[in-house]
PDB file of N, CA and C in Angstrom:
ATOM      1  N   MET A   1      -1.202 -41.761  -0.708  1.00  0.00           N
ATOM      2  CA  MET A   1      -1.704 -40.998  -1.892  1.00  0.00           C
ATOM      3  C   MET A   1      -0.702 -39.984  -2.319  1.00  0.00           C
ATOM      4  N   ASN A   2      -0.709 -39.909  -3.624  1.00  0.00           N
ATOM      5  CA  ASN A   2       0.274 -38.953  -4.263  1.00  0.00           C
ATOM      6  C   ASN A   2      -0.399 -37.547  -4.429  1.00  0.00           C
ATOM      7  N   ARG A   3       0.377 -36.640  -4.816  1.00  0.00           N
ATOM      8  CA  ARG A   3      -0.174 -35.250  -4.845  1.00  0.00           C
ATOM      9  C   ARG A   3      -1.076 -35.027  -5.820  1.00  0.00           C
ATOM     10  N   LYS A   4      -1.161 -35.722  -6.975  1.00  0.00           N
ATOM     11  CA  LYS A   4      -2.228 -35.548  -7.991  1.00  0.00           C
ATOM     12  C   LYS A   4      -3.619 -36.001  -7.409  1.00  0.00           C
ATOM     13  N   THR A   5      -3.610 -37.122  -6.719  1.00  0.00           N
ATOM     14  CA  THR A   5      -4.797 -37.758  -6.236  1.00  0.00           C
ATOM     15  C   THR A   5      -5.305 -36.877  -5.092  1.00  0.00           C
ATOM     16  N   LEU A   6      -4.476 -36.244  -4.286  1.00  0.00           N
ATOM     17  CA  LEU A   6      -4.927 -35.395  -3.241  1.00  0.00           C
ATOM     18  C   LEU A   6      -5.401 -34.084  -3.858  1.00  0.00           C
ATOM     19  N   SER A   7      -4.927 -33.604  -4.849  1.00  0.00           N
ATOM     20  CA  SER A   7      -5.357 -32.369  -5.499  1.00  0.00           C
ATOM     21  C   SER A   7      -6.830 -32.586  -6.044  1.00  0.00           C
ATOM     22  N   ILE A   8      -6.893 -33.699  -6.622  1.00  0.00           N
ATOM     23  CA  ILE A   8      -8.308 -34.051  -7.166  1.00  0.00           C
ATOM     24  C   ILE A   8      -9.398 -34.250  -6.119  1.00  0.00           C
ATOM     25  N   LEU A   9      -8.915 -34.997  -5.093  1.00  0.00           N
ATOM     26  CA  LEU A   9      -9.761 -35.258  -3.909  1.00  0.00           C
ATOM     27  C   LEU A   9     -10.185 -33.978  -3.224  1.00  0.00           C
ATOM     28  N   SER A  10      -9.471 -32.915  -3.295  1.00  0.00           N
ATOM     29  CA  SER A  10      -9.824 -31.672  -2.661  1.00  0.00           C
ATOM     30  C   SER A  10     -10.992 -31.030  -3.206  1.00  0.00           C
ATOM     31  N   TYR A  11     -11.455 -31.498  -4.390  1.00  0.00           N
ATOM     32  CA  TYR A  11     -12.716 -30.851  -4.942  1.00  0.00           C
ATOM     33  C   TYR A  11     -13.953 -31.810  -4.739  1.00  0.00           C
ATOM     34  N   ILE A  12     -13.734 -32.998  -4.313  1.00  0.00           N
ATOM     35  CA  ILE A  12     -14.749 -34.039  -4.223  1.00  0.00           C
ATOM     36  C   ILE A  12     -15.460 -33.937  -2.883  1.00  0.00           C
ATOM     37  N   THR A  13     -16.529 -33.177  -2.706  1.00  0.00           N
ATOM     38  CA  THR A  13     -17.255 -33.042  -1.472  1.00  0.00           C
ATOM     39  C   THR A  13     -16.419 -32.496  -0.355  1.00  0.00           C
ATOM     40  N   ILE A  14     -16.952 -32.107   0.713  1.00  0.00           N
ATOM     41  CA  ILE A  14     -16.262 -31.521   1.814  1.00  0.00           C
ATOM     42  C   ILE A  14     -15.594 -32.732   2.587  1.00  0.00           C
ATOM     43  N   ILE A  15     -16.097 -33.929   2.554  1.00  0.00           N
ATOM     44  CA  ILE A  15     -15.483 -35.076   3.083  1.00  0.00           C
ATOM     45  C   ILE A  15     -14.097 -35.343   2.414  1.00  0.00           C
ATOM     46  N   GLY A  16     -14.192 -35.319   1.058  1.00  0.00           N
ATOM     47  CA  GLY A  16     -12.994 -35.547   0.238  1.00  0.00           C
ATOM     48  C   GLY A  16     -11.920 -34.466   0.571  1.00  0.00           C
ATOM     49  N   TRP A  17     -12.383 -33.211   0.779  1.00  0.00           N
ATOM     50  CA  TRP A  17     -11.483 -32.137   1.174  1.00  0.00           C
ATOM     51  C   TRP A  17     -10.892 -32.463   2.412  1.00  0.00           C
ATOM     52  N   ILE A  18     -11.587 -32.846   3.420  1.00  0.00           N
ATOM     53  CA  ILE A  18     -11.063 -33.096   4.760  1.00  0.00           C
ATOM     54  C   ILE A  18     -10.014 -34.222   4.629  1.00  0.00           C
ATOM     55  N   VAL A  19     -10.301 -35.299   3.903  1.00  0.00           N
ATOM     56  CA  VAL A  19      -9.310 -36.357   3.714  1.00  0.00           C
ATOM     57  C   VAL A  19      -8.037 -35.893   3.166  1.00  0.00           C
ATOM     58  N   ALA A  20      -8.305 -35.048   2.039  1.00  0.00           N
ATOM     59  CA  ALA A  20      -7.023 -34.514   1.311  1.00  0.00           C
ATOM     60  C   ALA A  20      -6.237 -33.590   2.184  1.00  0.00           C
ATOM     61  N   PHE A  21      -6.910 -32.881   3.056  1.00  0.00           N
ATOM     62  CA  PHE A  21      -6.323 -31.925   3.994  1.00  0.00           C
ATOM     63  C   PHE A  21      -5.463 -32.627   4.974  1.00  0.00           C
ATOM     64  N   ILE A  22      -6.025 -33.705   5.595  1.00  0.00           N
ATOM     65  CA  ILE A  22      -5.333 -34.571   6.604  1.00  0.00           C
ATOM     66  C   ILE A  22      -4.096 -35.254   5.896  1.00  0.00           C
ATOM     67  N   LYS A  23      -4.347 -35.861   4.813  1.00  0.00           N
ATOM     68  CA  LYS A  23      -3.304 -36.598   4.137  1.00  0.00           C
ATOM     69  C   LYS A  23      -2.138 -35.769   3.644  1.00  0.00           C
ATOM     70  N   SER A  24      -2.474 -34.505   3.325  1.00  0.00           N
ATOM     71  CA  SER A  24      -1.449 -33.575   2.773  1.00  0.00           C
ATOM     72  C   SER A  24      -0.432 -33.309   3.863  1.00  0.00           C
ATOM     73  N   LYS A  25      -0.832 -33.451   5.128  1.00  0.00           N
ATOM     74  CA  LYS A  25       0.169 -33.125   6.165  1.00  0.00           C
ATOM     75  C   LYS A  25       1.250 -34.236   6.246  1.00  0.00           C
ATOM     76  N   ASP A  26       0.867 -35.393   5.639  1.00  0.00           N
ATOM     77  CA  ASP A  26       1.891 -36.495   5.661  1.00  0.00           C
ATOM     78  C   ASP A  26       2.903 -36.478   4.543  1.00  0.00           C
ATOM     79  N   LEU A  27       2.667 -35.646   3.516  1.00  0.00           N
ATOM     80  CA  LEU A  27       3.547 -35.464   2.311  1.00  0.00           C
ATOM     81  C   LEU A  27       4.840 -34.858   2.668  1.00  0.00           C
ATOM     82  N   THR A  28       5.950 -35.446   2.247  1.00  0.00           N
ATOM     83  CA  THR A  28       7.240 -34.884   2.415  1.00  0.00           C
ATOM     84  C   THR A  28       7.931 -34.958   1.121  1.00  0.00           C
ATOM     85  N   PRO A  29       8.443 -33.914   0.550  1.00  0.00           N
ATOM     86  CA  PRO A  29       8.342 -32.520   0.961  1.00  0.00           C
ATOM     87  C   PRO A  29       6.895 -32.076   0.741  1.00  0.00           C
ATOM     88  N   LYS A  30       6.565 -30.899   1.363  1.00  0.00           N
ATOM     89  CA  LYS A  30       5.195 -30.346   1.296  1.00  0.00           C
ATOM     90  C   LYS A  30       4.932 -29.955  -0.207  1.00  0.00           C
ATOM     91  N   SER A  31       3.728 -30.334  -0.677  1.00  0.00           N
ATOM     92  CA  SER A  31       3.401 -30.031  -2.033  1.00  0.00           C
ATOM     93  C   SER A  31       2.632 -28.786  -2.164  1.00  0.00           C
ATOM     94  N   ASP A  32       3.233 -27.841  -2.884  1.00  0.00           N
ATOM     95  CA  ASP A  32       2.548 -26.583  -3.306  1.00  0.00           C
ATOM     96  C   ASP A  32       1.318 -26.830  -4.061  1.00  0.00           C
ATOM     97  N   LEU A  33       1.250 -27.851  -4.920  1.00  0.00           N
ATOM     98  CA  LEU A  33       0.068 -28.176  -5.783  1.00  0.00           C
ATOM     99  C   LEU A  33      -1.015 -28.558  -4.978  1.00  0.00           C
ATOM    100  N   VAL A  34      -0.858 -29.365  -3.966  1.00  0.00           N
ATOM    101  CA  VAL A  34      -1.946 -29.821  -3.112  1.00  0.00           C
ATOM    102  C   VAL A  34      -2.491 -28.659  -2.292  1.00  0.00           C
ATOM    103  N   THR A  35      -1.579 -27.858  -1.782  1.00  0.00           N
ATOM    104  CA  THR A  35      -2.032 -26.712  -0.984  1.00  0.00           C
ATOM    105  C   THR A  35      -2.876 -25.746  -1.885  1.00  0.00           C
ATOM    106  N   TYR A  36      -2.446 -25.529  -3.098  1.00  0.00           N
ATOM    107  CA  TYR A  36      -3.169 -24.633  -3.975  1.00  0.00           C
ATOM    108  C   TYR A  36      -4.582 -25.114  -4.181  1.00  0.00           C
ATOM    109  N   HIS A  37      -4.604 -26.481  -4.561  1.00  0.00           N
ATOM    110  CA  HIS A  37      -6.038 -26.951  -4.861  1.00  0.00           C
ATOM    111  C   HIS A  37      -6.855 -27.143  -3.629  1.00  0.00           C
ATOM    112  N   LEU A  38      -6.234 -27.344  -2.409  1.00  0.00           N
ATOM    113  CA  LEU A  38      -7.066 -27.263  -1.187  1.00  0.00           C
ATOM    114  C   LEU A  38      -7.695 -25.967  -0.985  1.00  0.00           C
ATOM    115  N   LYS A  39      -6.954 -24.917  -1.272  1.00  0.00           N
ATOM    116  CA  LYS A  39      -7.446 -23.536  -1.151  1.00  0.00           C
ATOM    117  C   LYS A  39      -8.533 -23.254  -2.097  1.00  0.00           C
ATOM    118  N   GLN A  40      -8.376 -23.723  -3.406  1.00  0.00           N
ATOM    119  CA  GLN A  40      -9.343 -23.572  -4.444  1.00  0.00           C
ATOM    120  C   GLN A  40     -10.578 -24.356  -4.155  1.00  0.00           C
ATOM    121  N   GLY A  41     -10.458 -25.620  -3.719  1.00  0.00           N
ATOM    122  CA  GLY A  41     -11.557 -26.461  -3.476  1.00  0.00           C
ATOM    123  C   GLY A  41     -12.361 -25.954  -2.211  1.00  0.00           C
ATOM    124  N   PHE A  42     -11.727 -25.486  -1.189  1.00  0.00           N
ATOM    125  CA  PHE A  42     -12.451 -24.880  -0.056  1.00  0.00           C
ATOM    126  C   PHE A  42     -13.091 -23.670  -0.468  1.00  0.00           C
ATOM    127  N   GLY A  43     -12.512 -22.802  -1.242  1.00  0.00           N
ATOM    128  CA  GLY A  43     -13.124 -21.617  -1.737  1.00  0.00           C
ATOM    129  C   GLY A  43     -14.473 -21.802  -2.592  1.00  0.00           C
ATOM    130  N   ILE A  44     -14.360 -22.811  -3.391  1.00  0.00           N
ATOM    131  CA  ILE A  44     -15.574 -23.051  -4.243  1.00  0.00           C
ATOM    132  C   ILE A  44     -16.691 -23.765  -3.475  1.00  0.00           C
ATOM    133  N   PHE A  45     -16.234 -24.478  -2.411  1.00  0.00           N
ATOM    134  CA  PHE A  45     -17.320 -25.006  -1.471  1.00  0.00           C
ATOM    135  C   PHE A  45     -17.951 -23.878  -0.775  1.00  0.00           C
ATOM    136  N   LEU A  46     -17.195 -22.914  -0.232  1.00  0.00           N
ATOM    137  CA  LEU A  46     -17.796 -21.785   0.483  1.00  0.00           C
ATOM    138  C   LEU A  46     -18.739 -20.965  -0.455  1.00  0.00           C
ATOM    139  N   VAL A  47     -18.253 -20.685  -1.580  1.00  0.00           N
ATOM    140  CA  VAL A  47     -19.066 -19.909  -2.562  1.00  0.00           C
ATOM    141  C   VAL A  47     -20.355 -20.668  -2.851  1.00  0.00           C
ATOM    142  N   SER A  48     -20.265 -21.972  -3.097  1.00  0.00           N
ATOM    143  CA  SER A  48     -21.401 -22.783  -3.446  1.00  0.00           C
ATOM    144  C   SER A  48     -22.449 -22.816  -2.327  1.00  0.00           C
ATOM    145  N   PHE A  49     -21.829 -23.003  -1.084  1.00  0.00           N
ATOM    146  CA  PHE A  49     -22.667 -22.992   0.075  1.00  0.00           C
ATOM    147  C   PHE A  49     -23.491 -21.647   0.258  1.00  0.00           C
ATOM    148  N   ALA A  50     -22.701 -20.560   0.210  1.00  0.00           N
ATOM    149  CA  ALA A  50     -23.356 -19.194   0.321  1.00  0.00           C
ATOM    150  C   ALA A  50     -24.430 -18.848  -0.790  1.00  0.00           C
ATOM    151  N   VAL A  51     -24.025 -19.231  -1.960  1.00  0.00           N
ATOM    152  CA  VAL A  51     -24.956 -19.006  -3.157  1.00  0.00           C
ATOM    153  C   VAL A  51     -26.226 -19.791  -2.944  1.00  0.00           C
ATOM    154  N   ASN A  52     -26.114 -21.072  -2.625  1.00  0.00           N
ATOM    155  CA  ASN A  52     -27.277 -21.858  -2.408  1.00  0.00           C
ATOM    156  C   ASN A  52     -28.242 -21.362  -1.306  1.00  0.00           C
ATOM    157  N   ILE A  53     -27.620 -20.872  -0.177  1.00  0.00           N
ATOM    158  CA  ILE A  53     -28.489 -20.371   0.911  1.00  0.00           C
ATOM    159  C   ILE A  53     -29.200 -19.111   0.366  1.00  0.00           C
ATOM    160  N   ILE A  54     -28.407 -18.163  -0.210  1.00  0.00           N
ATOM    161  CA  ILE A  54     -29.017 -16.836  -0.682  1.00  0.00           C
ATOM    162  C   ILE A  54     -30.001 -17.135  -1.749  1.00  0.00           C
ATOM    163  N   LEU A  55     -29.736 -18.064  -2.676  1.00  0.00           N
ATOM    164  CA  LEU A  55     -30.771 -18.333  -3.667  1.00  0.00           C
ATOM    165  C   LEU A  55     -32.022 -18.962  -3.138  1.00  0.00           C
ATOM    166  N   SER A  56     -31.952 -19.827  -2.131  1.00  0.00           N
ATOM    167  CA  SER A  56     -32.984 -20.494  -1.563  1.00  0.00           C
ATOM    168  C   SER A  56     -33.916 -19.499  -0.921  1.00  0.00           C
ATOM    169  N   ILE A  57     -33.299 -18.485  -0.239  1.00  0.00           N
ATOM    170  CA  ILE A  57     -34.074 -17.517   0.435  1.00  0.00           C
ATOM    171  C   ILE A  57     -34.818 -16.601  -0.608  1.00  0.00           C
ATOM    172  N   VAL A  58     -33.968 -16.188  -1.625  1.00  0.00           N
ATOM    173  CA  VAL A  58     -34.615 -15.245  -2.532  1.00  0.00           C
ATOM    174  C   VAL A  58     -35.759 -15.996  -3.406  1.00  0.00           C
ATOM    175  N   VAL A  59     -35.516 -17.206  -3.873  1.00  0.00           N
ATOM    176  CA  VAL A  59     -36.530 -17.934  -4.579  1.00  0.00           C
ATOM    177  C   VAL A  59     -37.800 -18.277  -3.709  1.00  0.00           C
ATOM    178  N   MET A  60     -37.568 -18.527  -2.488  1.00  0.00           N
ATOM    179  CA  MET A  60     -38.750 -18.823  -1.619  1.00  0.00           C
ATOM    180  C   MET A  60     -39.454 -17.553  -1.395  1.00  0.00           C
ATOM    181  N   THR A  61     -38.914 -16.414  -1.396  1.00  0.00           N
ATOM    182  CA  THR A  61     -39.506 -15.181  -1.016  1.00  0.00           C
ATOM    183  C   THR A  61     -40.208 -14.652  -2.371  1.00  0.00           C
ATOM    184  N   VAL A  62     -39.466 -14.617  -3.558  1.00  0.00           N
ATOM    185  CA  VAL A  62     -39.984 -14.177  -4.762  1.00  0.00           C
ATOM    186  C   VAL A  62     -40.002 -15.340  -5.739  1.00  0.00           C
ATOM    187  N   THR A  63     -41.049 -16.093  -5.837  1.00  0.00           N
ATOM    188  CA  THR A  63     -41.114 -17.227  -6.678  1.00  0.00           C
ATOM    189  C   THR A  63     -40.930 -16.987  -8.101  1.00  0.00           C
ATOM    190  N   SER A  64     -41.165 -15.792  -8.599  1.00  0.00           N
ATOM    191  CA  SER A  64     -40.939 -15.549 -10.026  1.00  0.00           C
ATOM    192  C   SER A  64     -39.525 -15.447 -10.429  1.00  0.00           C
ATOM    193  N   LEU A  65     -38.646 -15.551  -9.439  1.00  0.00           N
ATOM    194  CA  LEU A  65     -37.165 -15.448  -9.726  1.00  0.00           C
ATOM    195  C   LEU A  65     -36.635 -16.876  -9.724  1.00  0.00           C
ATOM    196  N   TYR A  66     -37.409 -17.886 -10.021  1.00  0.00           N
ATOM    197  CA  TYR A  66     -36.954 -19.296 -10.025  1.00  0.00           C
ATOM    198  C   TYR A  66     -35.729 -19.494 -11.007  1.00  0.00           C
ATOM    199  N   PHE A  67     -35.689 -18.657 -12.108  1.00  0.00           N
ATOM    200  CA  PHE A  67     -34.700 -18.898 -13.020  1.00  0.00           C
ATOM    201  C   PHE A  67     -33.267 -18.645 -12.474  1.00  0.00           C
ATOM    202  N   LEU A  68     -33.159 -17.978 -11.327  1.00  0.00           N
ATOM    203  CA  LEU A  68     -31.923 -17.755 -10.704  1.00  0.00           C
ATOM    204  C   LEU A  68     -31.170 -19.012 -10.193  1.00  0.00           C
ATOM    205  N   ASN A  69     -32.024 -20.057 -10.079  1.00  0.00           N
ATOM    206  CA  ASN A  69     -31.367 -21.429  -9.742  1.00  0.00           C
ATOM    207  C   ASN A  69     -30.424 -21.938 -10.755  1.00  0.00           C
ATOM    208  N   TYR A  70     -30.416 -21.423 -11.948  1.00  0.00           N
ATOM    209  CA  TYR A  70     -29.526 -21.791 -12.894  1.00  0.00           C
ATOM    210  C   TYR A  70     -27.957 -21.318 -12.655  1.00  0.00           C
ATOM    211  N   ILE A  71     -27.859 -20.491 -11.667  1.00  0.00           N
ATOM    212  CA  ILE A  71     -26.567 -20.067 -11.152  1.00  0.00           C
ATOM    213  C   ILE A  71     -25.834 -21.313 -10.615  1.00  0.00           C
ATOM    214  N   GLY A  72     -26.590 -22.165 -10.142  1.00  0.00           N
ATOM    215  CA  GLY A  72     -25.959 -23.490  -9.585  1.00  0.00           C
ATOM    216  C   GLY A  72     -25.215 -24.226 -10.721  1.00  0.00           C
ATOM    217  N   TYR A  73     -25.676 -24.191 -11.951  1.00  0.00           N
ATOM    218  CA  TYR A  73     -25.054 -24.810 -13.073  1.00  0.00           C
ATOM    219  C   TYR A  73     -23.658 -24.069 -13.290  1.00  0.00           C
ATOM    220  N   ALA A  74     -23.651 -22.770 -13.237  1.00  0.00           N
ATOM    221  CA  ALA A  74     -22.430 -22.084 -13.438  1.00  0.00           C
ATOM    222  C   ALA A  74     -21.397 -22.482 -12.357  1.00  0.00           C
ATOM    223  N   ILE A  75     -21.743 -22.635 -11.154  1.00  0.00           N
ATOM    224  CA  ILE A  75     -20.778 -23.013 -10.093  1.00  0.00           C
ATOM    225  C   ILE A  75     -20.374 -24.524 -10.367  1.00  0.00           C
ATOM    226  N   PHE A  76     -21.249 -25.338 -10.823  1.00  0.00           N
ATOM    227  CA  PHE A  76     -20.847 -26.752 -11.179  1.00  0.00           C
ATOM    228  C   PHE A  76     -19.790 -26.660 -12.340  1.00  0.00           C
ATOM    229  N   ILE A  77     -19.996 -25.869 -13.310  1.00  0.00           N
ATOM    230  CA  ILE A  77     -18.923 -25.616 -14.422  1.00  0.00           C
ATOM    231  C   ILE A  77     -17.624 -25.194 -13.816  1.00  0.00           C
ATOM    232  N   LEU A  78     -17.657 -24.243 -12.897  1.00  0.00           N
ATOM    233  CA  LEU A  78     -16.359 -23.719 -12.312  1.00  0.00           C
ATOM    234  C   LEU A  78     -15.745 -24.886 -11.530  1.00  0.00           C
ATOM    235  N   TRP A  79     -16.530 -25.651 -10.855  1.00  0.00           N
ATOM    236  CA  TRP A  79     -16.008 -26.868 -10.115  1.00  0.00           C
ATOM    237  C   TRP A  79     -15.274 -27.836 -11.050  1.00  0.00           C
ATOM    238  N   ILE A  80     -15.919 -28.074 -12.141  1.00  0.00           N
ATOM    239  CA  ILE A  80     -15.337 -28.906 -13.235  1.00  0.00           C
ATOM    240  C   ILE A  80     -13.919 -28.412 -13.650  1.00  0.00           C
ATOM    241  N   PHE A  81     -13.896 -27.115 -13.886  1.00  0.00           N
ATOM    242  CA  PHE A  81     -12.561 -26.479 -14.231  1.00  0.00           C
ATOM    243  C   PHE A  81     -11.567 -26.654 -13.180  1.00  0.00           C
ATOM    244  N   GLY A  82     -11.894 -26.616 -11.996  1.00  0.00           N
ATOM    245  CA  GLY A  82     -10.986 -26.886 -10.838  1.00  0.00           C
ATOM    246  C   GLY A  82     -10.434 -28.304 -10.907  1.00  0.00           C
ATOM    247  N   ILE A  83     -11.345 -29.262 -11.110  1.00  0.00           N
ATOM    248  CA  ILE A  83     -10.913 -30.612 -11.221  1.00  0.00           C
ATOM    249  C   ILE A  83     -10.021 -30.903 -12.351  1.00  0.00           C
ATOM    250  N   ILE A  84     -10.335 -30.291 -13.502  1.00  0.00           N
ATOM    251  CA  ILE A  84      -9.533 -30.386 -14.695  1.00  0.00           C
ATOM    252  C   ILE A  84      -8.109 -29.906 -14.477  1.00  0.00           C
ATOM    253  N   ASN A  85      -7.969 -28.759 -13.749  1.00  0.00           N
ATOM    254  CA  ASN A  85      -6.635 -28.203 -13.410  1.00  0.00           C
ATOM    255  C   ASN A  85      -5.852 -29.110 -12.440  1.00  0.00           C
ATOM    256  N   ALA A  86      -6.580 -29.760 -11.580  1.00  0.00           N
ATOM    257  CA  ALA A  86      -6.008 -30.719 -10.611  1.00  0.00           C
ATOM    258  C   ALA A  86      -5.515 -31.977 -11.386  1.00  0.00           C
ATOM    259  N   VAL A  87      -6.262 -32.435 -12.266  1.00  0.00           N
ATOM    260  CA  VAL A  87      -5.912 -33.658 -13.073  1.00  0.00           C
ATOM    261  C   VAL A  87      -4.745 -33.341 -13.940  1.00  0.00           C
ATOM    262  N   ASN A  88      -4.541 -32.133 -14.443  1.00  0.00           N
ATOM    263  CA  ASN A  88      -3.478 -31.724 -15.239  1.00  0.00           C
ATOM    264  C   ASN A  88      -2.286 -31.241 -14.464  1.00  0.00           C
ATOM    265  N   GLU A  89      -2.410 -31.302 -13.141  1.00  0.00           N
ATOM    266  CA  GLU A  89      -1.312 -30.843 -12.248  1.00  0.00           C
ATOM    267  C   GLU A  89      -0.948 -29.321 -12.529  1.00  0.00           C
ATOM    268  N   GLN A  90      -1.848 -28.519 -12.715  1.00  0.00           N
ATOM    269  CA  GLN A  90      -1.700 -27.146 -12.966  1.00  0.00           C
ATOM    270  C   GLN A  90      -2.089 -26.263 -11.830  1.00  0.00           C
ATOM    271  N   LYS A  91      -1.375 -25.216 -11.549  1.00  0.00           N
ATOM    272  CA  LYS A  91      -1.807 -24.308 -10.471  1.00  0.00           C
ATOM    273  C   LYS A  91      -2.466 -23.089 -11.181  1.00  0.00           C
ATOM    274  N   LYS A  92      -3.627 -23.336 -11.728  1.00  0.00           N
ATOM    275  CA  LYS A  92      -4.384 -22.244 -12.329  1.00  0.00           C
ATOM    276  C   LYS A  92      -5.627 -22.014 -11.440  1.00  0.00           C
ATOM    277  N   PRO A  93      -6.018 -20.751 -11.319  1.00  0.00           N
ATOM    278  CA  PRO A  93      -7.195 -20.502 -10.514  1.00  0.00           C
ATOM    279  C   PRO A  93      -8.506 -20.912 -11.249  1.00  0.00           C
ATOM    280  N   ILE A  94      -9.455 -21.175 -10.445  1.00  0.00           N
ATOM    281  CA  ILE A  94     -10.757 -21.402 -11.041  1.00  0.00           C
ATOM    282  C   ILE A  94     -11.190 -20.135 -11.714  1.00  0.00           C
ATOM    283  N   PRO A  95     -11.743 -20.153 -12.851  1.00  0.00           N
ATOM    284  CA  PRO A  95     -12.213 -18.929 -13.568  1.00  0.00           C
ATOM    285  C   PRO A  95     -13.176 -18.008 -12.794  1.00  0.00           C
ATOM    286  N   VAL A  96     -13.058 -16.751 -12.804  1.00  0.00           N
ATOM    287  CA  VAL A  96     -13.923 -15.792 -12.203  1.00  0.00           C
ATOM    288  C   VAL A  96     -13.691 -15.715 -10.744  1.00  0.00           C
ATOM    289  N   ILE A  97     -13.654 -16.723  -9.894  1.00  0.00           N
ATOM    290  CA  ILE A  97     -13.620 -16.547  -8.545  1.00  0.00           C
ATOM    291  C   ILE A  97     -12.331 -17.093  -7.878  1.00  0.00           C
ATOM    292  N   GLY A  98     -11.533 -17.727  -8.613  1.00  0.00           N
ATOM    293  CA  GLY A  98     -10.349 -18.372  -8.074  1.00  0.00           C
ATOM    294  C   GLY A  98      -9.298 -17.562  -7.593  1.00  0.00           C
ATOM    295  N   LYS A  99      -9.129 -16.376  -8.126  1.00  0.00           N
ATOM    296  CA  LYS A  99      -8.047 -15.434  -7.628  1.00  0.00           C
ATOM    297  C   LYS A  99      -8.304 -14.998  -6.186  1.00  0.00           C
ATOM    298  N   MET A 100      -9.551 -14.961  -5.827  1.00  0.00           N
ATOM    299  CA  MET A 100      -9.925 -14.589  -4.474  1.00  0.00           C
ATOM    300  C   MET A 100      -9.365 -15.432  -3.380  1.00  0.00           C
ATOM    301  N   PHE A 101      -9.169 -16.818  -3.827  1.00  0.00           N
ATOM    302  CA  PHE A 101      -8.761 -17.819  -2.753  1.00  0.00           C
ATOM    303  C   PHE A 101      -7.310 -18.073  -2.662  1.00  0.00           C
ATOM    304  N   GLU A 102      -6.501 -17.552  -3.588  1.00  0.00           N
ATOM    305  CA  GLU A 102      -5.145 -17.814  -3.723  1.00  0.00           C
ATOM    306  C   GLU A 102      -4.348 -17.395  -2.396  1.00  0.00           C
ATOM    307  N   ASP A 103      -4.708 -16.274  -1.850  1.00  0.00           N
ATOM    308  CA  ASP A 103      -3.946 -15.747  -0.679  1.00  0.00           C
ATOM    309  C   ASP A 103      -4.896 -15.874   0.627  1.00  0.00           C
ATOM    310  N   GLN A 104      -5.991 -16.666   0.569  1.00  0.00           N
ATOM    311  CA  GLN A 104      -6.889 -16.776   1.666  1.00  0.00           C
ATOM    312  C   GLN A 104      -6.546 -18.123   2.413  1.00  0.00           C
ATOM    313  N   PHE A 105      -7.171 -18.341   3.485  1.00  0.00           N
ATOM    314  CA  PHE A 105      -7.232 -19.575   4.251  1.00  0.00           C
ATOM    315  C   PHE A 105      -5.818 -19.921   4.727  1.00  0.00           C
ATOM    316  N   GLY A 106      -5.314 -19.204   5.565  1.00  0.00           N
ATOM    317  CA  GLY A 106      -3.965 -19.432   6.008  1.00  0.00           C
ATOM    318  C   GLY A 106      -3.814 -20.667   6.846  1.00  0.00           C
ATOM    319  N   PHE A 107      -4.759 -21.299   7.364  1.00  0.00           N
ATOM    320  CA  PHE A 107      -4.801 -22.489   8.096  1.00  0.00           C
ATOM    321  C   PHE A 107      -4.374 -23.709   7.134  1.00  0.00           C
ATOM    322  N   ILE A 108      -4.539 -23.575   5.852  1.00  0.00           N
ATOM    323  CA  ILE A 108      -4.209 -24.616   4.931  1.00  0.00           C
ATOM    324  C   ILE A 108      -2.704 -24.779   4.625  1.00  0.00           C
ATOM    325  N   ASN A 109      -1.941 -23.703   4.939  1.00  0.00           N
ATOM    326  CA  ASN A 109      -0.507 -23.801   4.636  1.00  0.00           C
ATOM    327  C   ASN A 109       0.150 -24.820   5.430  1.00  0.00           C
TER     328      ASN A 109
END
């Protein structure tokens, strides 16, 4: 797999992320693009997971706050931005939350 494919795959479910993570170890020379998108993809996954758990608890507790479920659409749009950046082979952070993940997840290096 080339670096563009691995970058895109890092956003496609956690299984795709794991495949991209394992295959990125085989690349020589090491690709900064793939590493960058692995960090962004893992970060958006964690944010999505945490937000979904929190929103599930909040909406189950206070049913009148059901409109908060639309936050999921915002996360989906951010995910699309990440894929677009990977397709264009750009190292741009995901809007709003991407800067948080640039220096995190040391195990990905």
